[in-house]
Amino acid sequence: MDTRNPHTAARTPRFGRILAWPFRALWRAASAIERRLGIGITLLAGLAASAIGLVLILSLAGLLAGIPLLALGLAMVLRALY
């Protein structure tokens, strides 16, 4: 006999999609940039965005802007490499 709650089982994939949407959005943005600029420029722009994001994070004043910029830069680097 199956003791799982059917309502919980139905909500699990939807909950996973909700949690994954920021990562999908970052990957789609990086893909769009890569299609427009090419692989080499995307890699350089991703490294630059990551460096600027890291500097903003370390300054603490730009923490809110630095975290998304670092994430976008890393996504761009990963997209350029893969």
PDB file of N, CA and C in Angstrom:
ATOM      1  N   MET A   1       0.840  -1.177   0.000  1.00  0.00           N
ATOM      2  CA  MET A   1       0.000   0.000   0.000  1.00  0.00           C
ATOM      3  C   MET A   1       0.890   1.247   0.000  1.00  0.00           C
ATOM      4  N   ASP A   2       0.533   2.192  -0.826  1.00  0.00           N
ATOM      5  CA  ASP A   2       1.299   3.432  -0.945  1.00  0.00           C
ATOM      6  C   ASP A   2       0.822   4.413   0.115  1.00  0.00           C
ATOM      7  N   THR A   3       1.751   4.826   0.988  1.00  0.00           N
ATOM      8  CA  THR A   3       1.372   5.711   2.095  1.00  0.00           C
ATOM      9  C   THR A   3       1.713   7.168   1.830  1.00  0.00           C
ATOM     10  N   ARG A   4       2.220   7.466   0.643  1.00  0.00           N
ATOM     11  CA  ARG A   4       2.556   8.865   0.342  1.00  0.00           C
ATOM     12  C   ARG A   4       1.288   9.690   0.149  1.00  0.00           C
ATOM     13  N   ASN A   5       1.381  10.923   0.544  1.00  0.00           N
ATOM     14  CA  ASN A   5       0.270  11.853   0.374  1.00  0.00           C
ATOM     15  C   ASN A   5       0.239  12.309  -1.083  1.00  0.00           C
ATOM     16  N   PRO A   6      -0.852  12.106  -1.814  1.00  0.00           N
ATOM     17  CA  PRO A   6      -0.872  12.484  -3.230  1.00  0.00           C
ATOM     18  C   PRO A   6      -0.776  13.998  -3.435  1.00  0.00           C
ATOM     19  N   HIS A   7      -1.235  14.773  -2.479  1.00  0.00           N
ATOM     20  CA  HIS A   7      -1.178  16.224  -2.627  1.00  0.00           C
ATOM     21  C   HIS A   7       0.262  16.732  -2.494  1.00  0.00           C
ATOM     22  N   THR A   8       1.017  16.150  -1.596  1.00  0.00           N
ATOM     23  CA  THR A   8       2.413  16.531  -1.418  1.00  0.00           C
ATOM     24  C   THR A   8       3.234  16.109  -2.629  1.00  0.00           C
ATOM     25  N   ALA A   9       2.994  14.928  -3.143  1.00  0.00           N
ATOM     26  CA  ALA A   9       3.735  14.434  -4.293  1.00  0.00           C
ATOM     27  C   ALA A   9       3.470  15.292  -5.524  1.00  0.00           C
ATOM     28  N   ALA A  10       2.262  15.817  -5.653  1.00  0.00           N
ATOM     29  CA  ALA A  10       1.936  16.644  -6.810  1.00  0.00           C
ATOM     30  C   ALA A  10       2.589  18.016  -6.712  1.00  0.00           C
ATOM     31  N   ARG A  11       2.825  18.510  -5.511  1.00  0.00           N
ATOM     32  CA  ARG A  11       3.397  19.836  -5.348  1.00  0.00           C
ATOM     33  C   ARG A  11       4.915  19.866  -5.414  1.00  0.00           C
ATOM     34  N   THR A  12       5.564  18.748  -5.246  1.00  0.00           N
ATOM     35  CA  THR A  12       7.023  18.729  -5.183  1.00  0.00           C
ATOM     36  C   THR A  12       7.688  19.234  -6.464  1.00  0.00           C
ATOM     37  N   PRO A  13       7.313  18.774  -7.665  1.00  0.00           N
ATOM     38  CA  PRO A  13       7.987  19.295  -8.859  1.00  0.00           C
ATOM     39  C   PRO A  13       7.748  20.789  -9.056  1.00  0.00           C
ATOM     40  N   ARG A  14       6.560  21.261  -8.737  1.00  0.00           N
ATOM     41  CA  ARG A  14       6.246  22.672  -8.884  1.00  0.00           C
ATOM     42  C   ARG A  14       7.089  23.506  -7.927  1.00  0.00           C
ATOM     43  N   PHE A  15       7.275  23.010  -6.723  1.00  0.00           N
ATOM     44  CA  PHE A  15       8.094  23.704  -5.734  1.00  0.00           C
ATOM     45  C   PHE A  15       9.539  23.772  -6.207  1.00  0.00           C
ATOM     46  N   GLY A  16      10.022  22.704  -6.812  1.00  0.00           N
ATOM     47  CA  GLY A  16      11.380  22.692  -7.350  1.00  0.00           C
ATOM     48  C   GLY A  16      11.554  23.685  -8.486  1.00  0.00           C
ATOM     49  N   ARG A  17      10.526  23.825  -9.321  1.00  0.00           N
ATOM     50  CA  ARG A  17      10.591  24.794 -10.414  1.00  0.00           C
ATOM     51  C   ARG A  17      10.635  26.213  -9.886  1.00  0.00           C
ATOM     52  N   ILE A  18       9.904  26.466  -8.814  1.00  0.00           N
ATOM     53  CA  ILE A  18       9.892  27.805  -8.223  1.00  0.00           C
ATOM     54  C   ILE A  18      11.265  28.129  -7.647  1.00  0.00           C
ATOM     55  N   LEU A  19      11.897  27.174  -7.011  1.00  0.00           N
ATOM     56  CA  LEU A  19      13.217  27.410  -6.432  1.00  0.00           C
ATOM     57  C   LEU A  19      14.298  27.545  -7.503  1.00  0.00           C
ATOM     58  N   ALA A  20      14.104  26.919  -8.651  1.00  0.00           N
ATOM     59  CA  ALA A  20      15.136  26.916  -9.686  1.00  0.00           C
ATOM     60  C   ALA A  20      15.037  28.098 -10.643  1.00  0.00           C
ATOM     61  N   TRP A  21      13.978  28.893 -10.592  1.00  0.00           N
ATOM     62  CA  TRP A  21      13.811  29.946 -11.598  1.00  0.00           C
ATOM     63  C   TRP A  21      14.913  31.000 -11.586  1.00  0.00           C
ATOM     64  N   PRO A  22      15.501  31.394 -10.445  1.00  0.00           N
ATOM     65  CA  PRO A  22      16.593  32.375 -10.543  1.00  0.00           C
ATOM     66  C   PRO A  22      17.804  31.828 -11.295  1.00  0.00           C
ATOM     67  N   PHE A  23      18.096  30.553 -11.120  1.00  0.00           N
ATOM     68  CA  PHE A  23      19.231  29.944 -11.797  1.00  0.00           C
ATOM     69  C   PHE A  23      18.956  29.808 -13.293  1.00  0.00           C
ATOM     70  N   ARG A  24      17.727  29.466 -13.637  1.00  0.00           N
ATOM     71  CA  ARG A  24      17.354  29.406 -15.048  1.00  0.00           C
ATOM     72  C   ARG A  24      17.430  30.781 -15.692  1.00  0.00           C
ATOM     73  N   ALA A  25      16.988  31.803 -14.967  1.00  0.00           N
ATOM     74  CA  ALA A  25      17.027  33.160 -15.506  1.00  0.00           C
ATOM     75  C   ALA A  25      18.472  33.609 -15.727  1.00  0.00           C
ATOM     76  N   LEU A  26      19.360  33.303 -14.781  1.00  0.00           N
ATOM     77  CA  LEU A  26      20.776  33.637 -14.952  1.00  0.00           C
ATOM     78  C   LEU A  26      21.370  32.921 -16.161  1.00  0.00           C
ATOM     79  N   TRP A  27      21.034  31.646 -16.315  1.00  0.00           N
ATOM     80  CA  TRP A  27      21.581  30.873 -17.428  1.00  0.00           C
ATOM     81  C   TRP A  27      21.052  31.402 -18.762  1.00  0.00           C
ATOM     82  N   ARG A  28      19.777  31.773 -18.797  1.00  0.00           N
ATOM     83  CA  ARG A  28      19.211  32.324 -20.037  1.00  0.00           C
ATOM     84  C   ARG A  28      19.824  33.675 -20.367  1.00  0.00           C
ATOM     85  N   ALA A  29      20.065  34.498 -19.355  1.00  0.00           N
ATOM     86  CA  ALA A  29      20.702  35.791 -19.598  1.00  0.00           C
ATOM     87  C   ALA A  29      22.124  35.594 -20.115  1.00  0.00           C
ATOM     88  N   ALA A  30      22.851  34.681 -19.513  1.00  0.00           N
ATOM     89  CA  ALA A  30      24.213  34.404 -19.969  1.00  0.00           C
ATOM     90  C   ALA A  30      24.210  33.832 -21.388  1.00  0.00           C
ATOM     91  N   SER A  31      23.223  33.012 -21.711  1.00  0.00           N
ATOM     92  CA  SER A  31      23.124  32.452 -23.059  1.00  0.00           C
ATOM     93  C   SER A  31      22.824  33.542 -24.084  1.00  0.00           C
ATOM     94  N   ALA A  32      21.946  34.463 -23.723  1.00  0.00           N
ATOM     95  CA  ALA A  32      21.620  35.561 -24.640  1.00  0.00           C
ATOM     96  C   ALA A  32      22.847  36.437 -24.881  1.00  0.00           C
ATOM     97  N   ILE A  33      23.609  36.705 -23.840  1.00  0.00           N
ATOM     98  CA  ILE A  33      24.828  37.501 -23.991  1.00  0.00           C
ATOM     99  C   ILE A  33      25.842  36.757 -24.848  1.00  0.00           C
ATOM    100  N   GLU A  34      25.960  35.463 -24.639  1.00  0.00           N
ATOM    101  CA  GLU A  34      26.922  34.663 -25.399  1.00  0.00           C
ATOM    102  C   GLU A  34      26.547  34.609 -26.883  1.00  0.00           C
ATOM    103  N   ARG A  35      25.261  34.515 -27.178  1.00  0.00           N
ATOM    104  CA  ARG A  35      24.831  34.493 -28.578  1.00  0.00           C
ATOM    105  C   ARG A  35      25.143  35.815 -29.281  1.00  0.00           C
ATOM    106  N   ARG A  36      25.030  36.922 -28.560  1.00  0.00           N
ATOM    107  CA  ARG A  36      25.272  38.231 -29.177  1.00  0.00           C
ATOM    108  C   ARG A  36      26.755  38.575 -29.283  1.00  0.00           C
ATOM    109  N   LEU A  37      27.525  38.227 -28.274  1.00  0.00           N
ATOM    110  CA  LEU A  37      28.914  38.670 -28.224  1.00  0.00           C
ATOM    111  C   LEU A  37      29.918  37.628 -28.701  1.00  0.00           C
ATOM    112  N   GLY A  38      29.584  36.381 -28.622  1.00  0.00           N
ATOM    113  CA  GLY A  38      30.538  35.331 -28.948  1.00  0.00           C
ATOM    114  C   GLY A  38      31.177  34.787 -27.680  1.00  0.00           C
ATOM    115  N   ILE A  39      31.871  33.681 -27.829  1.00  0.00           N
ATOM    116  CA  ILE A  39      32.402  32.975 -26.673  1.00  0.00           C
ATOM    117  C   ILE A  39      33.536  33.744 -26.003  1.00  0.00           C
ATOM    118  N   GLY A  40      34.476  34.247 -26.781  1.00  0.00           N
ATOM    119  CA  GLY A  40      35.645  34.917 -26.199  1.00  0.00           C
ATOM    120  C   GLY A  40      35.285  36.182 -25.445  1.00  0.00           C
ATOM    121  N   ILE A  41      34.447  37.019 -26.054  1.00  0.00           N
ATOM    122  CA  ILE A  41      34.050  38.261 -25.399  1.00  0.00           C
ATOM    123  C   ILE A  41      33.186  37.967 -24.179  1.00  0.00           C
ATOM    124  N   THR A  42      32.359  36.925 -24.254  1.00  0.00           N
ATOM    125  CA  THR A  42      31.539  36.553 -23.100  1.00  0.00           C
ATOM    126  C   THR A  42      32.411  36.108 -21.938  1.00  0.00           C
ATOM    127  N   LEU A  43      33.463  35.371 -22.242  1.00  0.00           N
ATOM    128  CA  LEU A  43      34.383  34.933 -21.187  1.00  0.00           C
ATOM    129  C   LEU A  43      35.065  36.138 -20.537  1.00  0.00           C
ATOM    130  N   LEU A  44      35.536  37.068 -21.338  1.00  0.00           N
ATOM    131  CA  LEU A  44      36.191  38.261 -20.785  1.00  0.00           C
ATOM    132  C   LEU A  44      35.202  39.136 -20.014  1.00  0.00           C
ATOM    133  N   ALA A  45      34.012  39.310 -20.555  1.00  0.00           N
ATOM    134  CA  ALA A  45      32.996  40.118 -19.865  1.00  0.00           C
ATOM    135  C   ALA A  45      32.556  39.448 -18.564  1.00  0.00           C
ATOM    136  N   GLY A  46      32.473  38.119 -18.567  1.00  0.00           N
ATOM    137  CA  GLY A  46      32.116  37.397 -17.355  1.00  0.00           C
ATOM    138  C   GLY A  46      33.178  37.516 -16.279  1.00  0.00           C
ATOM    139  N   LEU A  47      34.425  37.447 -16.680  1.00  0.00           N
ATOM    140  CA  LEU A  47      35.515  37.619 -15.713  1.00  0.00           C
ATOM    141  C   LEU A  47      35.515  39.039 -15.154  1.00  0.00           C
ATOM    142  N   ALA A  48      35.276  40.023 -16.022  1.00  0.00           N
ATOM    143  CA  ALA A  48      35.231  41.409 -15.561  1.00  0.00           C
ATOM    144  C   ALA A  48      34.050  41.634 -14.622  1.00  0.00           C
ATOM    145  N   ALA A  49      32.890  41.095 -14.977  1.00  0.00           N
ATOM    146  CA  ALA A  49      31.706  41.252 -14.111  1.00  0.00           C
ATOM    147  C   ALA A  49      31.918  40.566 -12.770  1.00  0.00           C
ATOM    148  N   SER A  50      32.571  39.410 -12.787  1.00  0.00           N
ATOM    149  CA  SER A  50      32.854  38.710 -11.532  1.00  0.00           C
ATOM    150  C   SER A  50      33.808  39.518 -10.658  1.00  0.00           C
ATOM    151  N   ALA A  51      34.830  40.099 -11.263  1.00  0.00           N
ATOM    152  CA  ALA A  51      35.791  40.899 -10.500  1.00  0.00           C
ATOM    153  C   ALA A  51      35.131  42.142  -9.910  1.00  0.00           C
ATOM    154  N   ILE A  52      34.319  42.816 -10.711  1.00  0.00           N
ATOM    155  CA  ILE A  52      33.620  44.010 -10.213  1.00  0.00           C
ATOM    156  C   ILE A  52      32.638  43.631  -9.107  1.00  0.00           C
ATOM    157  N   GLY A  53      31.932  42.521  -9.294  1.00  0.00           N
ATOM    158  CA  GLY A  53      31.006  42.056  -8.263  1.00  0.00           C
ATOM    159  C   GLY A  53      31.721  41.717  -6.973  1.00  0.00           C
ATOM    160  N   LEU A  54      32.884  41.107  -7.072  1.00  0.00           N
ATOM    161  CA  LEU A  54      33.658  40.769  -5.877  1.00  0.00           C
ATOM    162  C   LEU A  54      34.138  42.024  -5.158  1.00  0.00           C
ATOM    163  N   VAL A  55      34.578  43.017  -5.912  1.00  0.00           N
ATOM    164  CA  VAL A  55      35.007  44.283  -5.301  1.00  0.00           C
ATOM    165  C   VAL A  55      33.827  44.948  -4.599  1.00  0.00           C
ATOM    166  N   LEU A  56      32.668  44.928  -5.234  1.00  0.00           N
ATOM    167  CA  LEU A  56      31.486  45.521  -4.601  1.00  0.00           C
ATOM    168  C   LEU A  56      31.100  44.774  -3.323  1.00  0.00           C
ATOM    169  N   ILE A  57      31.219  43.461  -3.352  1.00  0.00           N
ATOM    170  CA  ILE A  57      30.887  42.676  -2.156  1.00  0.00           C
ATOM    171  C   ILE A  57      31.864  42.994  -1.023  1.00  0.00           C
ATOM    172  N   LEU A  58      33.128  43.098  -1.352  1.00  0.00           N
ATOM    173  CA  LEU A  58      34.129  43.375  -0.321  1.00  0.00           C
ATOM    174  C   LEU A  58      34.015  44.784   0.248  1.00  0.00           C
ATOM    175  N   SER A  59      33.451  45.711  -0.513  1.00  0.00           N
ATOM    176  CA  SER A  59      33.303  47.072  -0.012  1.00  0.00           C
ATOM    177  C   SER A  59      32.127  47.209   0.955  1.00  0.00           C
ATOM    178  N   LEU A  60      31.265  46.238   1.011  1.00  0.00           N
ATOM    179  CA  LEU A  60      30.071  46.189   1.856  1.00  0.00           C
ATOM    180  C   LEU A  60      29.039  47.257   1.503  1.00  0.00           C
ATOM    181  N   ALA A  61      29.443  48.354   0.912  1.00  0.00           N
ATOM    182  CA  ALA A  61      28.488  49.383   0.513  1.00  0.00           C
ATOM    183  C   ALA A  61      27.693  48.914  -0.703  1.00  0.00           C
ATOM    184  N   GLY A  62      28.327  48.167  -1.581  1.00  0.00           N
ATOM    185  CA  GLY A  62      27.664  47.687  -2.785  1.00  0.00           C
ATOM    186  C   GLY A  62      27.277  46.229  -2.713  1.00  0.00           C
ATOM    187  N   LEU A  63      27.025  45.742  -1.522  1.00  0.00           N
ATOM    188  CA  LEU A  63      26.740  44.326  -1.324  1.00  0.00           C
ATOM    189  C   LEU A  63      25.520  43.870  -2.115  1.00  0.00           C
ATOM    190  N   LEU A  64      24.473  44.681  -2.118  1.00  0.00           N
ATOM    191  CA  LEU A  64      23.246  44.285  -2.814  1.00  0.00           C
ATOM    192  C   LEU A  64      23.428  44.256  -4.326  1.00  0.00           C
ATOM    193  N   ALA A  65      24.283  45.081  -4.856  1.00  0.00           N
ATOM    194  CA  ALA A  65      24.548  45.067  -6.291  1.00  0.00           C
ATOM    195  C   ALA A  65      25.651  44.071  -6.639  1.00  0.00           C
ATOM    196  N   GLY A  66      26.538  43.796  -5.707  1.00  0.00           N
ATOM    197  CA  GLY A  66      27.676  42.927  -5.982  1.00  0.00           C
ATOM    198  C   GLY A  66      27.316  41.460  -6.109  1.00  0.00           C
ATOM    199  N   ILE A  67      26.387  40.999  -5.303  1.00  0.00           N
ATOM    200  CA  ILE A  67      26.020  39.578  -5.337  1.00  0.00           C
ATOM    201  C   ILE A  67      25.402  39.187  -6.683  1.00  0.00           C
ATOM    202  N   PRO A  68      24.395  39.908  -7.188  1.00  0.00           N
ATOM    203  CA  PRO A  68      23.859  39.534  -8.504  1.00  0.00           C
ATOM    204  C   PRO A  68      24.873  39.696  -9.637  1.00  0.00           C
ATOM    205  N   LEU A  69      25.717  40.712  -9.542  1.00  0.00           N
ATOM    206  CA  LEU A  69      26.729  40.915 -10.580  1.00  0.00           C
ATOM    207  C   LEU A  69      27.742  39.786 -10.571  1.00  0.00           C
ATOM    208  N   LEU A  70      28.149  39.342  -9.405  1.00  0.00           N
ATOM    209  CA  LEU A  70      29.058  38.202  -9.305  1.00  0.00           C
ATOM    210  C   LEU A  70      28.403  36.939  -9.857  1.00  0.00           C
ATOM    211  N   ALA A  71      27.138  36.721  -9.527  1.00  0.00           N
ATOM    212  CA  ALA A  71      26.434  35.538 -10.018  1.00  0.00           C
ATOM    213  C   ALA A  71      26.298  35.571 -11.539  1.00  0.00           C
ATOM    214  N   LEU A  72      25.964  36.735 -12.099  1.00  0.00           N
ATOM    215  CA  LEU A  72      25.859  36.844 -13.556  1.00  0.00           C
ATOM    216  C   LEU A  72      27.220  36.632 -14.210  1.00  0.00           C
ATOM    217  N   GLY A  73      28.263  37.188 -13.636  1.00  0.00           N
ATOM    218  CA  GLY A  73      29.601  36.996 -14.190  1.00  0.00           C
ATOM    219  C   GLY A  73      30.025  35.535 -14.182  1.00  0.00           C
ATOM    220  N   LEU A  74      29.749  34.838 -13.091  1.00  0.00           N
ATOM    221  CA  LEU A  74      30.097  33.414 -13.032  1.00  0.00           C
ATOM    222  C   LEU A  74      29.270  32.597 -14.021  1.00  0.00           C
ATOM    223  N   ALA A  75      27.999  32.953 -14.191  1.00  0.00           N
ATOM    224  CA  ALA A  75      27.149  32.268 -15.156  1.00  0.00           C
ATOM    225  C   ALA A  75      27.670  32.504 -16.586  1.00  0.00           C
ATOM    226  N   MET A  76      28.131  33.719 -16.848  1.00  0.00           N
ATOM    227  CA  MET A  76      28.683  34.020 -18.178  1.00  0.00           C
ATOM    228  C   MET A  76      29.959  33.229 -18.440  1.00  0.00           C
ATOM    229  N   VAL A  77      30.799  33.103 -17.427  1.00  0.00           N
ATOM    230  CA  VAL A  77      32.039  32.335 -17.582  1.00  0.00           C
ATOM    231  C   VAL A  77      31.694  30.869 -17.815  1.00  0.00           C
ATOM    232  N   LEU A  78      30.767  30.321 -17.050  1.00  0.00           N
ATOM    233  CA  LEU A  78      30.375  28.927 -17.234  1.00  0.00           C
ATOM    234  C   LEU A  78      29.753  28.712 -18.598  1.00  0.00           C
ATOM    235  N   ARG A  79      28.941  29.657 -19.041  1.00  0.00           N
ATOM    236  CA  ARG A  79      28.300  29.530 -20.360  1.00  0.00           C
ATOM    237  C   ARG A  79      29.347  29.591 -21.461  1.00  0.00           C
ATOM    238  N   ALA A  80      30.344  30.441 -21.305  1.00  0.00           N
ATOM    239  CA  ALA A  80      31.385  30.529 -22.329  1.00  0.00           C
ATOM    240  C   ALA A  80      32.236  29.257 -22.372  1.00  0.00           C
ATOM    241  N   LEU A  81      32.451  28.643 -21.222  1.00  0.00           N
ATOM    242  CA  LEU A  81      33.265  27.432 -21.184  1.00  0.00           C
ATOM    243  C   LEU A  81      32.500  26.191 -21.608  1.00  0.00           C
ATOM    244  N   TYR A  82      31.188  26.175 -21.374  1.00  0.00           N
ATOM    245  CA  TYR A  82      30.390  25.002 -21.729  1.00  0.00           C
ATOM    246  C   TYR A  82      29.403  25.388 -22.762  1.00  0.00           C
TER     247      TYR A  82
END
